[in-house]
């Protein structure tokens, strides 16, 4: 697994937990990363112990990318949700699964505001993450909404 994939997965898990709540964002990001993310990073072999969290350059790069896409998605939530509402026919945000809704938010943020990442990379990553965290319909749903969102962007 790449560092960016890991950062995206962690970002989805954070956004899932917060689901649009931007209060105390810096505190919540740091708490999440130091507690939950450290366990996940150990499980996936990025670090051996929790103490490695602040010592390894690779892990620092994961945190920087994770925190930037989380902040960006949350700070641009109104615009991102507007795009999702515009392209998701017959699906309100509230009706979408929490995983799908937050993966779309994260991916659309990256497509709109992180131009150095090619769109096809963002879309492929989103589909792979949907396979891991979503339901059986999530990959196709995510692909369809992102494809529509890219066309109206």
N, C-alpha and C. Protein backbone atom coordinates (compact mmCIF):
# COMPACT_ATOMS: atom_id res chain seq x y z
N UNK A 1 0.85 -1.18 0.00
CA UNK A 1 0.00 0.00 0.00
C UNK A 1 0.90 1.24 0.00
N UNK A 2 0.53 2.21 -0.82
CA UNK A 2 1.32 3.44 -0.88
C UNK A 2 0.98 4.36 0.29
N UNK A 3 1.86 5.33 0.52
CA UNK A 3 1.63 6.31 1.60
C UNK A 3 0.37 7.11 1.32
N UNK A 4 0.16 7.50 0.06
CA UNK A 4 -1.02 8.30 -0.26
C UNK A 4 -2.30 7.49 -0.10
N UNK A 5 -2.27 6.22 -0.48
CA UNK A 5 -3.46 5.38 -0.29
C UNK A 5 -3.77 5.28 1.19
N UNK A 6 -2.74 5.07 2.00
CA UNK A 6 -2.96 4.98 3.45
C UNK A 6 -3.54 6.29 3.98
N UNK A 7 -3.00 7.41 3.53
CA UNK A 7 -3.52 8.71 3.97
C UNK A 7 -4.98 8.89 3.56
N UNK A 8 -5.33 8.45 2.36
CA UNK A 8 -6.72 8.56 1.90
C UNK A 8 -7.65 7.67 2.74
N UNK A 9 -7.19 6.46 3.04
CA UNK A 9 -8.02 5.57 3.86
C UNK A 9 -8.23 6.17 5.25
N UNK A 10 -7.18 6.70 5.83
CA UNK A 10 -7.31 7.34 7.14
C UNK A 10 -8.23 8.55 7.07
N UNK A 11 -8.10 9.32 5.98
CA UNK A 11 -8.96 10.50 5.82
C UNK A 11 -10.42 10.08 5.72
N UNK A 12 -10.70 9.03 4.98
CA UNK A 12 -12.07 8.54 4.90
C UNK A 12 -12.58 8.13 6.27
N UNK A 13 -11.76 7.44 7.03
CA UNK A 13 -12.18 7.00 8.36
C UNK A 13 -12.43 8.20 9.28
N UNK A 14 -11.60 9.22 9.17
CA UNK A 14 -11.81 10.42 9.97
C UNK A 14 -13.11 11.11 9.54
N UNK A 15 -13.29 11.30 8.23
CA UNK A 15 -14.50 11.97 7.74
C UNK A 15 -15.75 11.17 8.09
N UNK A 16 -15.65 9.86 8.05
CA UNK A 16 -16.77 9.01 8.45
C UNK A 16 -17.14 9.29 9.90
N UNK A 17 -16.13 9.36 10.73
CA UNK A 17 -16.36 9.60 12.16
C UNK A 17 -16.99 10.97 12.41
N UNK A 18 -16.49 11.98 11.73
CA UNK A 18 -16.95 13.36 11.97
C UNK A 18 -18.17 13.72 11.12
N UNK A 19 -18.29 13.15 9.95
CA UNK A 19 -19.41 13.34 9.02
C UNK A 19 -19.84 14.81 8.88
N UNK A 20 -18.89 15.64 8.57
CA UNK A 20 -19.19 17.04 8.29
C UNK A 20 -19.00 18.00 9.44
N UNK A 21 -18.70 17.53 10.62
CA UNK A 21 -18.51 18.40 11.79
C UNK A 21 -17.10 19.00 11.75
N UNK A 22 -17.02 20.33 11.66
CA UNK A 22 -15.70 20.97 11.59
C UNK A 22 -15.29 21.63 12.91
N UNK A 23 -16.06 21.43 13.95
CA UNK A 23 -15.68 22.03 15.24
C UNK A 23 -14.42 21.35 15.79
N UNK A 24 -13.56 22.13 16.40
CA UNK A 24 -12.31 21.62 17.01
C UNK A 24 -11.51 20.75 16.04
N UNK A 25 -11.45 21.16 14.78
CA UNK A 25 -10.87 20.32 13.73
C UNK A 25 -9.42 19.93 14.02
N UNK A 26 -8.58 20.88 14.38
CA UNK A 26 -7.16 20.55 14.61
C UNK A 26 -7.00 19.56 15.76
N UNK A 27 -7.72 19.78 16.83
CA UNK A 27 -7.67 18.87 17.96
C UNK A 27 -8.10 17.46 17.55
N UNK A 28 -9.23 17.37 16.82
CA UNK A 28 -9.76 16.08 16.41
C UNK A 28 -8.82 15.36 15.44
N UNK A 29 -8.22 16.11 14.53
CA UNK A 29 -7.27 15.51 13.59
C UNK A 29 -6.09 14.92 14.33
N UNK A 30 -5.52 15.69 15.23
CA UNK A 30 -4.35 15.20 15.99
C UNK A 30 -4.71 14.02 16.89
N UNK A 31 -5.86 14.11 17.56
CA UNK A 31 -6.30 13.00 18.41
C UNK A 31 -6.51 11.73 17.59
N UNK A 32 -7.21 11.86 16.49
CA UNK A 32 -7.46 10.72 15.62
C UNK A 32 -6.15 10.11 15.14
N UNK A 33 -5.24 10.95 14.68
CA UNK A 33 -3.99 10.45 14.12
C UNK A 33 -3.14 9.77 15.19
N UNK A 34 -3.05 10.37 16.35
CA UNK A 34 -2.22 9.80 17.40
C UNK A 34 -2.82 8.54 18.01
N UNK A 35 -4.13 8.44 18.02
CA UNK A 35 -4.78 7.27 18.62
C UNK A 35 -5.10 6.20 17.57
N UNK A 36 -6.10 6.47 16.77
CA UNK A 36 -6.57 5.47 15.82
C UNK A 36 -5.56 5.19 14.71
N UNK A 37 -5.02 6.24 14.11
CA UNK A 37 -4.13 6.05 12.96
C UNK A 37 -2.88 5.29 13.33
N UNK A 38 -2.36 5.52 14.53
CA UNK A 38 -1.15 4.81 14.92
C UNK A 38 -1.38 3.30 14.92
N UNK A 39 -2.54 2.86 15.39
CA UNK A 39 -2.87 1.44 15.38
C UNK A 39 -2.97 0.91 13.95
N UNK A 40 -3.60 1.68 13.10
CA UNK A 40 -3.75 1.29 11.70
C UNK A 40 -2.40 1.25 10.98
N UNK A 41 -1.56 2.22 11.27
CA UNK A 41 -0.23 2.24 10.65
C UNK A 41 0.63 1.07 11.11
N UNK A 42 0.48 0.67 12.36
CA UNK A 42 1.20 -0.51 12.85
C UNK A 42 0.67 -1.77 12.16
N UNK A 43 -0.64 -1.89 12.06
CA UNK A 43 -1.26 -3.05 11.45
C UNK A 43 -0.82 -3.20 9.99
N UNK A 44 -0.65 -2.09 9.28
CA UNK A 44 -0.26 -2.14 7.87
C UNK A 44 1.25 -2.08 7.66
N UNK A 45 2.03 -2.10 8.74
CA UNK A 45 3.47 -2.21 8.62
C UNK A 45 4.23 -0.92 8.36
N UNK A 46 3.58 0.23 8.50
CA UNK A 46 4.28 1.50 8.31
C UNK A 46 5.16 1.83 9.50
N UNK A 47 4.72 1.42 10.69
CA UNK A 47 5.51 1.62 11.91
C UNK A 47 5.47 0.33 12.72
N UNK A 48 6.47 0.19 13.60
CA UNK A 48 6.51 -1.01 14.45
C UNK A 48 5.90 -0.75 15.82
N UNK A 49 6.11 0.48 16.33
CA UNK A 49 5.55 0.84 17.63
C UNK A 49 4.91 2.22 17.53
N UNK A 50 4.09 2.54 18.50
CA UNK A 50 3.43 3.84 18.52
C UNK A 50 4.45 4.98 18.61
N UNK A 51 5.58 4.72 19.23
CA UNK A 51 6.62 5.74 19.35
C UNK A 51 7.21 6.12 17.99
N UNK A 52 7.13 5.22 17.01
CA UNK A 52 7.63 5.50 15.66
C UNK A 52 6.78 6.54 14.93
N UNK A 53 5.58 6.80 15.42
CA UNK A 53 4.65 7.70 14.75
C UNK A 53 5.27 9.06 14.46
N UNK A 54 6.05 9.58 15.39
CA UNK A 54 6.63 10.92 15.22
C UNK A 54 8.10 10.88 14.84
N UNK A 55 8.62 9.70 14.51
CA UNK A 55 10.04 9.57 14.21
C UNK A 55 10.34 9.29 12.74
N UNK A 56 9.41 8.68 12.04
CA UNK A 56 9.68 8.25 10.67
C UNK A 56 9.20 9.28 9.66
N UNK A 57 10.07 9.59 8.70
CA UNK A 57 9.75 10.58 7.66
C UNK A 57 8.56 10.13 6.81
N UNK A 58 8.50 8.85 6.46
CA UNK A 58 7.39 8.33 5.66
C UNK A 58 6.05 8.56 6.35
N UNK A 59 6.04 8.34 7.65
CA UNK A 59 4.81 8.50 8.42
C UNK A 59 4.43 9.98 8.51
N UNK A 60 5.43 10.84 8.62
CA UNK A 60 5.16 12.28 8.63
C UNK A 60 4.52 12.71 7.31
N UNK A 61 4.96 12.13 6.20
CA UNK A 61 4.37 12.44 4.90
C UNK A 61 2.92 11.98 4.83
N UNK A 62 2.63 10.85 5.43
CA UNK A 62 1.24 10.37 5.48
C UNK A 62 0.39 11.36 6.26
N UNK A 63 0.90 11.80 7.41
CA UNK A 63 0.13 12.75 8.23
C UNK A 63 -0.12 14.06 7.49
N UNK A 64 0.89 14.57 6.82
CA UNK A 64 0.75 15.84 6.10
C UNK A 64 -0.34 15.72 5.03
N UNK A 65 -0.29 14.66 4.24
CA UNK A 65 -1.30 14.49 3.19
C UNK A 65 -2.68 14.23 3.80
N UNK A 66 -2.74 13.34 4.78
CA UNK A 66 -4.00 13.05 5.47
C UNK A 66 -4.64 14.33 6.00
N UNK A 67 -3.87 15.11 6.75
CA UNK A 67 -4.46 16.30 7.38
C UNK A 67 -4.83 17.35 6.34
N UNK A 68 -4.08 17.46 5.25
CA UNK A 68 -4.41 18.47 4.24
C UNK A 68 -5.69 18.12 3.50
N UNK A 69 -5.90 16.84 3.18
CA UNK A 69 -7.13 16.50 2.46
C UNK A 69 -8.35 16.48 3.37
N UNK A 70 -8.15 16.16 4.64
CA UNK A 70 -9.25 16.23 5.60
C UNK A 70 -9.68 17.69 5.79
N UNK A 71 -8.71 18.54 6.07
CA UNK A 71 -9.03 19.97 6.26
C UNK A 71 -9.68 20.55 5.01
N UNK A 72 -9.09 20.25 3.87
CA UNK A 72 -9.63 20.78 2.61
C UNK A 72 -11.05 20.33 2.36
N UNK A 73 -11.32 19.05 2.57
CA UNK A 73 -12.68 18.55 2.34
C UNK A 73 -13.67 19.20 3.29
N UNK A 74 -13.29 19.33 4.55
CA UNK A 74 -14.22 19.92 5.53
C UNK A 74 -14.41 21.42 5.32
N UNK A 75 -13.35 22.12 4.98
CA UNK A 75 -13.46 23.56 4.78
C UNK A 75 -14.19 23.93 3.49
N UNK A 76 -14.29 23.00 2.56
CA UNK A 76 -14.99 23.24 1.29
C UNK A 76 -16.25 22.38 1.18
N UNK A 77 -16.77 21.98 2.31
CA UNK A 77 -17.89 21.05 2.36
C UNK A 77 -19.12 21.56 1.61
N UNK A 78 -19.47 22.82 1.74
CA UNK A 78 -20.67 23.33 1.07
C UNK A 78 -20.55 23.21 -0.44
N UNK A 79 -19.40 23.60 -0.98
CA UNK A 79 -19.19 23.50 -2.43
C UNK A 79 -19.20 22.05 -2.88
N UNK A 80 -18.51 21.20 -2.15
CA UNK A 80 -18.42 19.78 -2.50
C UNK A 80 -19.80 19.12 -2.42
N UNK A 81 -20.52 19.36 -1.34
CA UNK A 81 -21.86 18.78 -1.20
C UNK A 81 -22.80 19.30 -2.29
N UNK A 82 -22.63 20.56 -2.69
CA UNK A 82 -23.43 21.11 -3.79
C UNK A 82 -23.19 20.36 -5.09
N UNK A 83 -21.94 20.03 -5.35
CA UNK A 83 -21.62 19.26 -6.56
C UNK A 83 -22.23 17.87 -6.48
N UNK A 84 -22.09 17.24 -5.33
CA UNK A 84 -22.66 15.88 -5.17
C UNK A 84 -24.17 15.93 -5.38
N UNK A 85 -24.85 16.90 -4.78
CA UNK A 85 -26.30 17.03 -4.93
C UNK A 85 -26.68 17.25 -6.39
N UNK A 86 -25.87 18.05 -7.09
CA UNK A 86 -26.15 18.38 -8.48
C UNK A 86 -26.05 17.17 -9.40
N UNK A 87 -25.12 16.27 -9.15
CA UNK A 87 -24.90 15.15 -10.08
C UNK A 87 -25.52 13.83 -9.62
N UNK A 88 -25.97 13.75 -8.39
CA UNK A 88 -26.51 12.48 -7.90
C UNK A 88 -28.02 12.48 -8.03
N UNK A 89 -28.48 12.04 -9.16
CA UNK A 89 -29.92 11.98 -9.43
C UNK A 89 -30.55 10.91 -8.54
N UNK A 90 -31.63 11.29 -7.90
CA UNK A 90 -32.42 10.37 -7.04
C UNK A 90 -31.70 9.95 -5.77
N UNK A 91 -30.60 10.59 -5.42
CA UNK A 91 -29.87 10.25 -4.21
C UNK A 91 -29.56 11.51 -3.43
N UNK A 92 -30.24 11.71 -2.32
CA UNK A 92 -29.89 12.82 -1.44
C UNK A 92 -28.66 12.43 -0.65
N UNK A 93 -27.94 13.42 -0.14
CA UNK A 93 -26.76 13.12 0.68
C UNK A 93 -27.13 12.26 1.89
N UNK A 94 -28.27 12.54 2.48
CA UNK A 94 -28.70 11.81 3.67
C UNK A 94 -29.01 10.35 3.36
N UNK A 95 -29.40 10.08 2.14
CA UNK A 95 -29.76 8.72 1.75
C UNK A 95 -28.54 7.86 1.41
N UNK A 96 -27.44 8.52 1.07
CA UNK A 96 -26.21 7.80 0.74
C UNK A 96 -25.63 7.16 2.00
N UNK A 97 -24.93 6.07 1.81
CA UNK A 97 -24.26 5.48 2.96
C UNK A 97 -23.20 6.47 3.45
N UNK A 98 -22.91 6.40 4.71
CA UNK A 98 -21.93 7.31 5.31
C UNK A 98 -20.55 7.15 4.67
N UNK A 99 -20.19 5.92 4.35
CA UNK A 99 -18.91 5.67 3.68
C UNK A 99 -18.91 6.33 2.31
N UNK A 100 -19.93 6.07 1.51
CA UNK A 100 -19.98 6.62 0.16
C UNK A 100 -19.98 8.15 0.18
N UNK A 101 -20.80 8.73 1.02
CA UNK A 101 -20.90 10.19 1.11
C UNK A 101 -19.54 10.81 1.43
N UNK A 102 -18.84 10.25 2.40
CA UNK A 102 -17.57 10.84 2.81
C UNK A 102 -16.43 10.52 1.85
N UNK A 103 -16.50 9.38 1.19
CA UNK A 103 -15.50 9.08 0.15
C UNK A 103 -15.69 10.01 -1.04
N UNK A 104 -16.93 10.31 -1.39
CA UNK A 104 -17.19 11.28 -2.46
C UNK A 104 -16.67 12.66 -2.07
N UNK A 105 -16.92 13.07 -0.86
CA UNK A 105 -16.42 14.38 -0.39
C UNK A 105 -14.91 14.47 -0.51
N UNK A 106 -14.25 13.45 -0.05
CA UNK A 106 -12.79 13.40 -0.09
C UNK A 106 -12.28 13.42 -1.53
N UNK A 107 -12.86 12.62 -2.37
CA UNK A 107 -12.40 12.50 -3.76
C UNK A 107 -12.68 13.76 -4.56
N UNK A 108 -13.86 14.33 -4.38
CA UNK A 108 -14.19 15.56 -5.11
C UNK A 108 -13.28 16.70 -4.64
N UNK A 109 -12.98 16.75 -3.35
CA UNK A 109 -12.02 17.75 -2.89
C UNK A 109 -10.70 17.60 -3.65
N UNK A 110 -10.21 16.38 -3.72
CA UNK A 110 -8.92 16.17 -4.38
C UNK A 110 -8.98 16.54 -5.87
N UNK A 111 -10.06 16.18 -6.53
CA UNK A 111 -10.21 16.50 -7.95
C UNK A 111 -10.23 18.01 -8.16
N UNK A 112 -10.94 18.73 -7.30
CA UNK A 112 -11.09 20.18 -7.46
C UNK A 112 -9.88 20.98 -7.00
N UNK A 113 -9.28 20.57 -5.90
CA UNK A 113 -8.30 21.43 -5.24
C UNK A 113 -6.88 20.89 -5.16
N UNK A 114 -6.65 19.69 -5.65
CA UNK A 114 -5.29 19.12 -5.62
C UNK A 114 -4.93 18.74 -7.06
N UNK A 115 -4.65 19.75 -7.88
CA UNK A 115 -4.44 19.50 -9.31
C UNK A 115 -3.22 18.66 -9.64
N UNK A 116 -2.28 18.56 -8.71
CA UNK A 116 -1.10 17.73 -8.99
C UNK A 116 -1.40 16.24 -9.00
N UNK A 117 -2.56 15.85 -8.47
CA UNK A 117 -2.97 14.45 -8.52
C UNK A 117 -3.89 14.27 -9.73
N UNK A 118 -3.51 13.43 -10.67
CA UNK A 118 -4.37 13.23 -11.85
C UNK A 118 -5.75 12.70 -11.45
N UNK A 119 -6.76 13.17 -12.16
CA UNK A 119 -8.15 12.77 -11.88
C UNK A 119 -8.31 11.25 -11.89
N UNK A 120 -7.70 10.60 -12.89
CA UNK A 120 -7.88 9.16 -12.98
C UNK A 120 -7.28 8.44 -11.77
N UNK A 121 -6.22 8.99 -11.20
CA UNK A 121 -5.65 8.41 -9.99
C UNK A 121 -6.63 8.55 -8.83
N UNK A 122 -7.20 9.74 -8.67
CA UNK A 122 -8.17 9.97 -7.60
C UNK A 122 -9.36 9.02 -7.76
N UNK A 123 -9.86 8.91 -8.97
CA UNK A 123 -11.02 8.05 -9.21
C UNK A 123 -10.70 6.57 -8.96
N UNK A 124 -9.56 6.12 -9.44
CA UNK A 124 -9.17 4.72 -9.21
C UNK A 124 -8.97 4.44 -7.72
N UNK A 125 -8.32 5.36 -7.03
CA UNK A 125 -8.13 5.18 -5.58
C UNK A 125 -9.47 5.12 -4.87
N UNK A 126 -10.39 6.00 -5.26
CA UNK A 126 -11.71 6.03 -4.62
C UNK A 126 -12.44 4.71 -4.83
N UNK A 127 -12.36 4.16 -6.01
CA UNK A 127 -13.03 2.89 -6.29
C UNK A 127 -12.41 1.77 -5.46
N UNK A 128 -11.09 1.74 -5.37
CA UNK A 128 -10.42 0.71 -4.57
C UNK A 128 -10.76 0.84 -3.08
N UNK A 129 -10.81 2.07 -2.60
CA UNK A 129 -11.16 2.29 -1.20
C UNK A 129 -12.62 1.91 -0.96
N UNK A 130 -13.48 2.20 -1.94
CA UNK A 130 -14.89 1.81 -1.82
C UNK A 130 -15.03 0.30 -1.74
N UNK A 131 -14.20 -0.44 -2.47
CA UNK A 131 -14.24 -1.91 -2.40
C UNK A 131 -13.89 -2.39 -1.00
N UNK A 132 -12.98 -1.68 -0.36
CA UNK A 132 -12.52 -2.10 0.97
C UNK A 132 -13.49 -1.70 2.08
N UNK A 133 -14.04 -0.49 2.01
CA UNK A 133 -14.83 0.04 3.12
C UNK A 133 -16.33 0.13 2.85
N UNK A 134 -16.72 0.09 1.59
CA UNK A 134 -18.13 0.26 1.26
C UNK A 134 -18.86 -1.06 1.15
N UNK A 135 -20.05 -1.00 0.57
CA UNK A 135 -20.83 -2.21 0.33
C UNK A 135 -20.60 -2.68 -1.11
N UNK A 136 -21.31 -3.69 -1.54
CA UNK A 136 -21.09 -4.25 -2.88
C UNK A 136 -21.38 -3.26 -4.00
N UNK A 137 -22.31 -2.34 -3.76
CA UNK A 137 -22.67 -1.35 -4.79
C UNK A 137 -21.78 -0.10 -4.76
N UNK A 138 -21.01 0.07 -3.71
CA UNK A 138 -20.23 1.30 -3.53
C UNK A 138 -19.27 1.61 -4.68
N UNK A 139 -18.48 0.66 -5.17
CA UNK A 139 -17.54 1.01 -6.24
C UNK A 139 -18.23 1.59 -7.48
N UNK A 140 -19.31 0.98 -7.93
CA UNK A 140 -20.02 1.48 -9.10
C UNK A 140 -20.67 2.83 -8.81
N UNK A 141 -21.24 2.97 -7.64
CA UNK A 141 -21.88 4.22 -7.26
C UNK A 141 -20.85 5.35 -7.22
N UNK A 142 -19.72 5.11 -6.56
CA UNK A 142 -18.66 6.12 -6.46
C UNK A 142 -18.16 6.48 -7.86
N UNK A 143 -17.92 5.48 -8.69
CA UNK A 143 -17.45 5.71 -10.05
C UNK A 143 -18.43 6.58 -10.83
N UNK A 144 -19.71 6.27 -10.74
CA UNK A 144 -20.72 7.04 -11.47
C UNK A 144 -20.81 8.48 -11.03
N UNK A 145 -20.83 8.70 -9.74
CA UNK A 145 -20.94 10.07 -9.22
C UNK A 145 -19.67 10.87 -9.54
N UNK A 146 -18.50 10.27 -9.34
CA UNK A 146 -17.25 10.99 -9.65
C UNK A 146 -17.14 11.29 -11.13
N UNK A 147 -17.54 10.35 -11.99
CA UNK A 147 -17.50 10.57 -13.42
C UNK A 147 -18.39 11.75 -13.79
N UNK A 148 -19.58 11.82 -13.22
CA UNK A 148 -20.49 12.94 -13.48
C UNK A 148 -19.94 14.24 -12.92
N UNK A 149 -19.34 14.18 -11.74
CA UNK A 149 -18.79 15.38 -11.11
C UNK A 149 -17.63 15.96 -11.92
N UNK A 150 -16.81 15.12 -12.48
CA UNK A 150 -15.67 15.57 -13.31
C UNK A 150 -16.19 16.28 -14.55
N UNK A 151 -17.28 15.81 -15.11
CA UNK A 151 -17.82 16.41 -16.33
C UNK A 151 -18.42 17.79 -16.09
N UNK A 152 -18.96 18.03 -14.90
CA UNK A 152 -19.57 19.34 -14.62
C UNK A 152 -18.59 20.31 -13.98
N UNK A 153 -17.45 19.81 -13.55
CA UNK A 153 -16.45 20.64 -12.88
C UNK A 153 -16.04 21.75 -13.76
